[in-house]
Structures are given as C-alpha cells and as structure tokens.
Protein backbone atom coordinates (compact mmCIF):
# COMPACT_ATOMS: atom_id res chain seq x y z
CA MET A 1 4.27 53.98 177.17
CA SER A 2 5.15 51.15 174.57
CA THR A 3 7.12 48.45 175.60
CA ALA A 4 7.25 46.73 172.11
CA GLY A 5 11.20 46.24 171.43
CA LYS A 6 12.28 46.12 174.67
CA VAL A 7 13.09 44.25 177.40
CA ILE A 8 9.80 43.52 179.46
CA LYS A 9 11.10 43.03 183.71
CA CYS A 10 8.04 40.54 185.98
CA LYS A 11 7.50 38.04 187.40
CA ALA A 12 7.60 33.99 187.24
CA ALA A 13 8.26 30.74 188.62
CA VAL A 14 11.11 29.89 188.05
CA LEU A 15 11.96 25.67 188.47
CA TRP A 16 15.29 25.68 189.46
CA GLU A 17 15.77 22.11 189.23
CA ALA A 18 13.74 18.89 189.74
CA ASN A 19 11.77 18.01 193.53
CA LYS A 20 11.90 21.74 194.92
CA PRO A 21 9.09 24.58 194.83
CA PHE A 22 8.35 27.39 192.33
CA SER A 23 10.17 30.25 192.99
CA ILE A 24 8.93 33.58 192.14
CA GLU A 25 11.54 35.51 190.83
CA GLU A 26 11.80 38.56 188.64
CA VAL A 27 12.82 37.61 185.15
CA GLU A 28 13.54 39.20 181.91
CA VAL A 29 11.51 38.56 179.00
CA ALA A 30 13.37 39.48 175.68
CA PRO A 31 11.60 40.98 172.63
CA PRO A 32 9.48 38.49 170.17
CA LYS A 33 12.82 37.55 167.17
CA ALA A 34 11.36 36.94 163.95
CA HIS A 35 8.26 34.69 163.55
CA GLU A 36 7.83 34.95 167.51
CA VAL A 37 5.18 36.69 169.27
CA ARG A 38 5.19 38.16 173.13
CA ILE A 39 2.10 37.46 175.17
CA LYS A 40 0.71 39.07 178.49
CA ILE A 41 -0.35 35.69 180.35
CA LEU A 42 -4.04 36.89 182.00
CA ALA A 43 -4.94 33.11 183.45
CA THR A 44 -2.90 30.02 183.70
CA GLY A 45 -4.00 26.57 184.62
CA ILE A 46 -1.97 23.99 186.47
CA CYS A 47 -1.41 20.58 184.32
CA ARG A 48 -0.59 16.79 186.01
CA SER A 49 2.03 17.33 183.07
CA ASP A 50 3.99 20.38 184.70
CA ASP A 51 3.67 17.98 187.92
CA HIS A 52 5.33 15.37 185.95
CA VAL A 53 8.67 17.31 185.00
CA VAL A 54 9.19 18.81 188.83
CA THR A 55 8.79 14.94 190.00
CA GLY A 56 11.04 14.00 186.92
CA GLY A 57 8.41 11.73 185.18
CA LEU A 58 8.70 14.47 182.29
CA VAL A 59 12.57 14.85 181.47
CA MET A 60 13.49 18.49 181.04
CA PRO A 61 16.16 20.53 181.14
CA PHE A 62 16.79 23.03 184.50
CA PRO A 63 16.77 26.05 184.76
CA ILE A 64 12.54 26.09 183.19
CA ILE A 65 9.64 27.82 183.30
CA LEU A 66 6.70 25.49 183.09
CA GLY A 67 2.95 25.98 182.22
CA HIS A 68 1.17 25.75 178.91
CA GLU A 69 -2.48 26.02 179.58
CA ALA A 70 -3.39 29.49 179.18
CA ALA A 71 -5.03 32.79 177.94
CA GLY A 72 -3.22 36.35 177.03
CA VAL A 73 -3.43 39.05 175.23
CA VAL A 74 -0.40 39.50 172.64
CA GLU A 75 1.96 42.77 173.68
CA SER A 76 4.09 42.73 170.69
CA VAL A 77 4.70 40.32 167.28
CA GLY A 78 8.05 39.85 165.59
CA GLU A 79 9.74 40.81 162.49
CA GLY A 80 7.05 38.81 159.47
CA VAL A 81 3.81 37.48 162.07
CA THR A 82 0.37 38.91 160.11
CA SER A 83 -1.80 36.08 161.86
CA LEU A 84 -1.74 38.36 165.54
CA LYS A 85 -1.50 41.57 165.96
CA PRO A 86 -1.32 43.53 169.29
CA GLY A 87 -4.30 43.69 171.92
CA ASP A 88 -5.75 40.20 169.95
CA LYS A 89 -6.48 37.50 172.75
CA VAL A 90 -4.73 34.19 172.23
CA ILE A 91 -4.20 30.81 173.48
CA PRO A 92 -0.73 29.34 173.71
CA LEU A 93 -0.39 26.05 171.59
CA PHE A 94 1.84 23.76 172.95
CA ILE A 95 1.01 21.59 170.21
CA PRO A 96 1.65 24.04 167.42
CA GLN A 97 0.11 23.98 164.07
CA CYS A 98 2.50 24.84 161.00
CA GLY A 99 0.56 23.99 158.03
CA GLU A 100 3.11 22.58 156.36
CA CYS A 101 4.66 19.47 157.91
CA SER A 102 3.51 15.74 157.38
CA ALA A 103 1.55 15.71 160.45
CA CYS A 104 -0.40 19.16 159.53
CA LEU A 105 -1.02 17.97 156.11
CA SER A 106 -2.45 14.43 156.71
CA SER A 107 -6.78 14.66 158.15
CA LYS A 108 -5.34 12.18 160.39
CA GLY A 109 -2.52 13.66 162.29
CA ASN A 110 -2.53 16.76 164.77
CA MET A 111 1.51 16.76 166.01
CA CYS A 112 2.99 19.39 164.40
CA ILE A 113 6.64 18.80 163.78
CA LYS A 114 7.52 22.26 164.97
CA ASN A 115 6.12 20.81 169.13
CA ASP A 116 9.17 20.54 171.42
CA ILE A 117 7.73 17.29 173.53
CA GLY A 118 9.81 15.16 171.87
CA SER A 119 12.74 16.79 171.88
CA ALA A 120 12.96 18.95 175.12
CA ALA A 121 15.35 21.28 173.76
CA GLY A 122 13.47 23.93 176.11
CA LEU A 123 14.88 26.83 173.61
CA MET A 124 12.85 28.86 170.67
CA ALA A 125 13.71 27.97 167.08
CA ASP A 126 17.10 29.67 166.83
CA GLY A 127 18.15 27.42 169.73
CA THR A 128 18.27 30.69 172.58
CA SER A 129 15.75 31.65 175.25
CA ARG A 130 13.94 34.75 175.72
CA PHE A 131 14.09 34.45 179.20
CA THR A 132 16.95 35.44 181.57
CA CYS A 133 17.01 35.44 185.46
CA LYS A 134 19.92 36.19 188.03
CA GLY A 135 22.29 36.44 183.95
CA LYS A 136 21.30 32.91 183.40
CA PRO A 137 19.27 31.93 180.67
CA ILE A 138 15.56 29.82 181.94
CA HIS A 139 14.74 27.22 179.27
CA HIS A 140 10.89 27.23 177.90
CA PHE A 141 8.72 24.54 178.23
CA ILE A 142 7.07 22.63 175.28
CA GLY A 143 6.81 25.82 173.56
CA THR A 144 4.43 28.13 175.67
CA SER A 145 5.79 28.99 179.20
CA THR A 146 2.85 30.62 180.54
CA PHE A 147 3.82 30.31 184.27
CA THR A 148 4.72 34.17 184.00
CA GLU A 149 3.33 37.25 183.33
CA TYR A 150 4.93 37.81 180.03
CA THR A 151 6.07 35.01 177.61
CA VAL A 152 6.87 34.23 173.75
CA VAL A 153 5.71 31.95 171.72
CA HIS A 154 5.92 31.06 167.89
CA ASP A 155 3.77 32.59 165.67
CA THR A 156 2.74 28.98 164.97
CA ALA A 157 1.85 28.59 168.69
CA ALA A 158 -0.40 30.64 169.68
CA VAL A 159 -3.99 31.18 167.96
CA LYS A 160 -6.44 34.41 168.43
CA ILE A 161 -9.81 33.61 170.06
CA ASP A 162 -12.91 35.27 170.72
CA SER A 163 -11.74 38.56 172.80
CA ALA A 164 -15.03 38.07 174.60
CA ALA A 165 -14.28 34.72 176.46
CA PRO A 166 -13.18 34.95 180.29
CA PRO A 167 -9.73 34.15 180.27
CA GLU A 168 -10.12 32.27 183.36
CA LYS A 169 -12.30 29.38 182.21
CA ILE A 170 -10.84 28.95 178.40
CA CYS A 171 -7.46 29.05 179.76
CA LEU A 172 -8.28 25.18 180.12
CA ILE A 173 -8.90 25.04 176.36
CA GLY A 174 -5.26 25.28 176.53
CA CYS A 175 -5.05 21.48 177.61
CA GLY A 176 -6.73 19.83 180.23
CA PHE A 177 -10.15 20.03 178.75
CA SER A 178 -9.51 19.58 174.86
CA THR A 179 -7.09 16.79 175.75
CA GLY A 180 -10.22 14.68 177.16
CA TYR A 181 -13.18 15.86 175.45
CA GLY A 182 -11.21 15.14 171.97
CA ALA A 183 -9.90 12.29 172.88
CA ALA A 184 -13.21 10.82 173.19
CA LEU A 185 -15.06 12.69 169.87
CA GLN A 186 -11.30 13.11 167.92
CA THR A 187 -8.98 10.56 168.77
CA ALA A 188 -11.88 7.24 169.56
CA LYS A 189 -14.54 8.63 167.62
CA VAL A 190 -16.91 7.33 170.56
CA GLU A 191 -20.38 6.45 168.67
CA ALA A 192 -23.95 7.05 169.56
CA GLY A 193 -25.36 4.21 172.14
CA SER A 194 -21.48 2.71 172.71
CA THR A 195 -20.11 1.78 176.37
CA CYS A 196 -16.74 3.61 177.49
CA ALA A 197 -14.86 3.26 180.70
CA VAL A 198 -13.23 6.21 181.68
CA PHE A 199 -9.79 5.69 183.66
CA GLY A 200 -8.84 8.55 186.08
CA LEU A 201 -11.14 11.81 186.75
CA GLY A 202 -8.47 14.41 187.51
CA GLY A 203 -9.76 17.40 185.01
CA VAL A 204 -9.66 15.72 182.06
CA GLY A 205 -10.96 12.30 182.85
CA LEU A 206 -13.75 14.72 183.86
CA SER A 207 -13.38 16.36 180.08
CA VAL A 208 -13.23 12.34 178.38
CA ILE A 209 -16.65 11.93 180.79
CA MET A 210 -18.08 15.11 178.69
CA GLY A 211 -16.91 14.07 175.33
CA CYS A 212 -18.15 10.38 175.86
CA LYS A 213 -21.67 11.95 177.17
CA ALA A 214 -21.29 14.78 174.00
CA ALA A 215 -20.73 12.20 171.44
CA GLY A 216 -24.17 9.82 172.77
CA ALA A 217 -22.59 7.13 175.02
CA SER A 218 -25.06 5.29 176.36
CA ARG A 219 -22.82 3.71 179.25
CA ILE A 220 -19.87 5.83 180.85
CA ILE A 221 -18.39 4.03 183.67
CA ALA A 222 -15.76 6.71 185.90
CA VAL A 223 -12.99 4.63 187.63
CA ASP A 224 -11.25 6.28 190.41
CA ILE A 225 -9.43 5.15 193.59
CA ASN A 226 -10.48 8.45 195.16
CA SER A 227 -14.15 7.98 195.42
CA ASP A 228 -14.47 12.02 196.27
CA LYS A 229 -14.27 12.23 192.80
CA PHE A 230 -17.56 10.53 191.89
CA ALA A 231 -19.89 13.16 192.67
CA LYS A 232 -18.81 15.54 189.41
CA ALA A 233 -18.06 12.34 187.57
CA LYS A 234 -21.73 12.16 187.90
CA GLU A 235 -22.63 15.25 187.47
CA LEU A 236 -20.85 15.57 184.13
CA GLY A 237 -22.34 12.22 182.66
CA ALA A 238 -21.00 9.05 184.24
CA THR A 239 -23.38 6.71 184.90
CA ASP A 240 -21.26 4.34 187.19
CA CYS A 241 -18.93 5.09 189.09
CA ILE A 242 -16.41 2.23 190.44
CA ASN A 243 -13.78 1.83 193.07
CA PRO A 244 -10.93 -0.59 192.01
CA LYS A 245 -10.14 -0.83 196.17
CA ASP A 246 -13.78 -1.91 196.77
CA TYR A 247 -13.21 -5.31 194.03
CA LYS A 248 -10.91 -8.20 195.02
CA GLU A 249 -10.36 -9.27 191.44
CA PRO A 250 -8.59 -7.15 188.62
CA ILE A 251 -10.72 -4.08 187.39
CA HIS A 252 -10.93 -5.12 183.73
CA LYS A 253 -12.18 -8.45 184.73
CA VAL A 254 -14.88 -6.10 187.47
CA LEU A 255 -15.83 -4.09 183.84
CA ILE A 256 -16.15 -7.56 181.58
CA GLY A 257 -18.56 -8.71 184.20
CA MET A 258 -20.74 -5.36 184.32
CA THR A 259 -20.53 -5.01 180.11
CA GLY A 260 -20.40 -8.82 178.76
CA TYR A 261 -17.49 -8.63 176.89
CA GLY A 262 -15.76 -5.75 177.93
CA VAL A 263 -16.51 -1.65 176.82
CA ASP A 264 -16.64 -0.13 173.51
CA TYR A 265 -14.08 2.22 174.25
CA SER A 266 -11.89 2.54 177.33
CA PHE A 267 -9.87 5.99 178.67
CA GLU A 268 -6.21 5.95 180.51
CA VAL A 269 -6.06 9.17 181.71
CA ILE A 270 -3.53 8.82 184.81
CA GLY A 271 -0.26 8.15 183.21
CA ARG A 272 0.40 5.01 184.57
CA ILE A 273 1.47 1.44 182.66
CA GLU A 274 -0.43 -0.78 185.36
CA THR A 275 -3.81 1.04 183.96
CA MET A 276 -2.94 1.56 180.64
CA VAL A 277 -2.83 -2.70 180.20
CA ALA A 278 -5.92 -2.91 182.92
CA ALA A 279 -7.75 -0.48 180.04
CA LEU A 280 -6.72 -1.97 176.96
CA ALA A 281 -7.62 -5.23 178.75
CA SER A 282 -10.90 -4.11 179.85
CA CYS A 283 -12.72 -2.80 176.16
CA HIS A 284 -14.37 -5.72 174.15
CA TYR A 285 -11.82 -8.54 173.27
CA ASN A 286 -12.09 -7.93 169.18
CA TYR A 287 -13.55 -4.44 168.27
CA GLY A 288 -12.79 -2.34 171.34
CA VAL A 289 -10.29 0.60 170.98
CA SER A 290 -7.98 1.44 174.31
CA VAL A 291 -6.45 5.22 174.25
CA ILE A 292 -3.72 6.64 176.22
CA VAL A 293 -4.52 9.88 177.25
CA GLY A 294 -2.17 10.08 180.01
CA VAL A 295 1.19 11.15 180.04
CA PRO A 296 3.26 7.96 179.97
CA PRO A 297 6.14 7.70 182.98
CA ALA A 298 9.98 8.48 181.85
CA ALA A 299 12.09 5.54 181.32
CA GLN A 300 9.30 2.78 181.62
CA ASN A 301 8.38 0.08 179.70
CA ILE A 302 5.01 -1.84 179.17
CA THR A 303 4.73 -5.56 179.16
CA PHE A 304 1.81 -7.35 178.07
CA ASP A 305 0.31 -10.30 176.38
CA PRO A 306 0.06 -9.51 172.52
CA MET A 307 -3.14 -12.27 172.59
CA LEU A 308 -5.19 -8.88 173.67
CA LEU A 309 -4.29 -7.05 170.28
CA PHE A 310 -4.37 -10.08 168.03
CA SER A 311 -8.12 -10.93 168.96
CA GLY A 312 -8.52 -7.12 167.49
CA ARG A 313 -8.44 -4.36 170.03
CA THR A 314 -7.04 -1.66 169.20
CA TRP A 315 -4.84 0.81 171.10
CA LYS A 316 -4.03 4.08 170.56
CA GLY A 317 -2.08 7.32 171.78
CA SER A 318 -3.99 10.82 171.81
CA VAL A 319 -2.30 14.10 172.52
CA PHE A 320 -4.19 17.45 172.40
CA GLY A 321 -7.31 15.02 172.31
CA GLY A 322 -6.45 14.95 168.10
CA TRP A 323 -7.13 18.63 168.21
CA LYS A 324 -5.63 20.53 164.90
CA SER A 325 -4.57 23.18 167.20
CA LYS A 326 -5.14 26.89 164.87
CA ASP A 327 -8.03 25.83 163.68
CA SER A 328 -9.89 23.87 166.58
CA VAL A 329 -9.39 26.52 169.85
CA PRO A 330 -11.12 28.96 168.31
CA LYS A 331 -13.88 27.05 167.55
CA LEU A 332 -13.96 25.05 171.08
CA VAL A 333 -13.86 28.84 172.51
CA ALA A 334 -16.84 29.76 170.06
CA ASP A 335 -18.99 26.53 171.52
CA TYR A 336 -17.92 27.58 174.67
CA MET A 337 -19.41 31.06 174.45
CA LYS A 338 -22.58 29.39 172.83
CA LYS A 339 -22.53 27.25 176.33
CA LYS A 340 -22.27 23.48 174.45
CA PHE A 341 -19.97 22.67 177.09
CA VAL A 342 -19.26 23.45 180.69
CA LEU A 343 -16.21 24.51 182.20
CA ASP A 344 -16.68 25.50 185.86
CA PRO A 345 -16.52 22.01 187.29
CA LEU A 346 -13.36 21.36 185.98
CA ILE A 347 -12.42 24.68 188.38
CA THR A 348 -11.81 23.92 191.81
CA HIS A 349 -9.30 26.94 193.30
CA THR A 350 -8.85 30.10 191.47
CA LEU A 351 -5.10 32.01 193.25
CA PRO A 352 -3.34 34.31 193.02
CA PHE A 353 0.12 33.91 190.88
CA SER A 354 2.25 33.64 193.90
CA LYS A 355 0.26 31.03 195.50
CA ILE A 356 1.32 28.28 192.71
CA ASN A 357 3.31 26.21 195.12
CA GLU A 358 -0.37 25.69 196.87
CA GLY A 359 -1.61 25.20 193.69
CA PHE A 360 0.37 22.25 193.04
CA ASP A 361 -0.26 20.97 196.56
CA LEU A 362 -3.76 20.68 196.04
CA LEU A 363 -2.80 18.93 192.45
CA ARG A 364 -1.05 16.51 194.23
CA ALA A 365 -3.67 16.14 197.04
CA GLY A 366 -6.20 15.07 194.14
CA LYS A 367 -8.42 18.22 195.29
CA ARG A 368 -9.01 19.37 191.94
C-alpha cells in the first residue's frame, strides 16, 4: 500500500527541552511539499553537535528532532523534484547545495545559503514543520532531523548514492567522516611530507588523521587528554600521541619543542576556545595553517595575542570538510566502496533506535 501523499505515523526521538533525555514518541510526518523529499531513515550516527543542542552549547528551538548523520531511502517526493525518486538510496545533507548562491557558485566555498545552521529556525523553507507530536509542531534540526523513522528534507539537502552501499557504515559520510577527512584534504590542503597536529581524537579527529595520512603527511601528532584513544589514532596513521596532562608546560610549547618551529598544519576538533588558541599557537609562526573543525560554544569569545597572526599564520574554519555536498558525497561513497578509506574504526557501538539515550551516554563518557 502506497504511503505517498499521506501522513506517516512513526517513532522518533523527541527532545522536549534542554538537558533532558530523548523521549521515544509516536510522531506524524506530513507528506513532502514542493521541492521536498520524504526519506525512510535506515541508519543514523550520533554526533557531538547533537549533544551540543542537548547541553545548550548550540542554541536551537525546542521541541526538536535532532540527528544529521544518516542514510536512508526516498519514500516519496513533492512537486517539482527531479533529482530524486522513490526508492533511491540517499544521504541527507545538513549543508545543502542549491547550486545558485554565492557559496555554491564559488570554487572556494561550500556553505550554501540554504543551510539552517546560522538562522537556527528549525523549520522548512515555507516557515512550517513537517513533524507533529501530541498535537504540537516539532522543530527540524539543520534541515535534516534523522533521529526518526521518517524525515522530510528539501531536495537540495539530499543526494542519491550507490544503492549497494551499507547504510550503517556510509551514514558517517553524512557528517563525521567527511568533516574530518575534508578538513585535511579540502580546507587545509595538507601536502606530502608536511607535519600535522590533531587536537581531539573522537570520530572526526580520527577522520582528520586519515585525511592527513591520505595526503602523505610525514608526521601526524595526535593530542588528547584521554590516552585510551591513542591506539586507534596510531592504527589510522598518527605517528606520535601526546597527552597534555603529562606535561607541565603548555601544549603548544610541547609541539614546538617536538617540531622546531611548530607544525605545518594544526586542527582543533573539540570545540573549546582554549584548544583553538593552543592549536593556532602550535603551528609554524610564519606559514602554519590552523583549522577550526569543532563547533564553537555559544556565547563565548576568543581572546588571543594578534602577533600569532601578524607573523604570517593562517586561521581557518571548516564546515563539512569544505566539500560541496551534492557533488562530493556520492564520490566519497564510491571511494568507500572502492576501499580507498575505512569507516569501521569510527564505529564503536551499534544500538537499536530505542537505546538512543544509551548511545549519548557512551558519547559523553568518551567511549566512541
């Protein structure tokens, strides 16, 4: 029986307010409107950015359905959708690609104006939601909302991928892997023979290491206060692993001592202003490049010595690894299928949807 054009009732993890557990609820998912696509979610990952909404570090409207790293199948499409059809396997894109705005048209940019990160409206393009629960509208999250059995996204925010790709693995290409891998290859443009430092060894930090290794970096120094993460970092390409807690002097001085004048490229993959400044200070005083990959906390400002930049360093940000989403995601999936990189080491636990709160507990305990 076709569900096209009808409201679908399904389970979703609703976050009613900050600092509370997710509540598994029955929600109503409206049919897609013009230029929208309704997707059955097959697998979704848990990302630190989702947790930032729970804790208030990333301010979004409540109630909300979070999740932005997923793979699914198109269930139905709205009027005017030509790029996708029911049955297509897709990855939702939290950075859409409209192909018409200044960022999409520039070879230097990837942050399409149709993203909902900056405005945080939590609504579709017409200013309404496609989710309701207990008679109340539920907000969308950065145009994706994947913690639900069905979601609705704009047709600029989903892309068709290889139908044979395993959803429970390639869902990571929807955020974590692509964000880290691209920060090294696209944003920093790490060169062969260069030295790199990666601050933070979660899934995204490990993906940065994989990108640095793929680029041919000769030295990749992994930095984390949790030494349990070092074995996996080395497995994926780190040449050195250091724990700031093991040193009396500031970590940037340790890194300068290890490299002479600082690393060629440093990456902050945590989202803490102190480590952002430390990462900047640890790269070469004249031509070092430091990339902010971790989501900065809301309402916090950085104070730093401008001499760090005056001497020639470059400080950059990277969203979704600098990839143009619609162009790049299918190619990354194809590269995975050709075994050009691995995703298994980034997957620490696989849980049923009903145990989403346990998944977040594992994230907070540093177990993934």
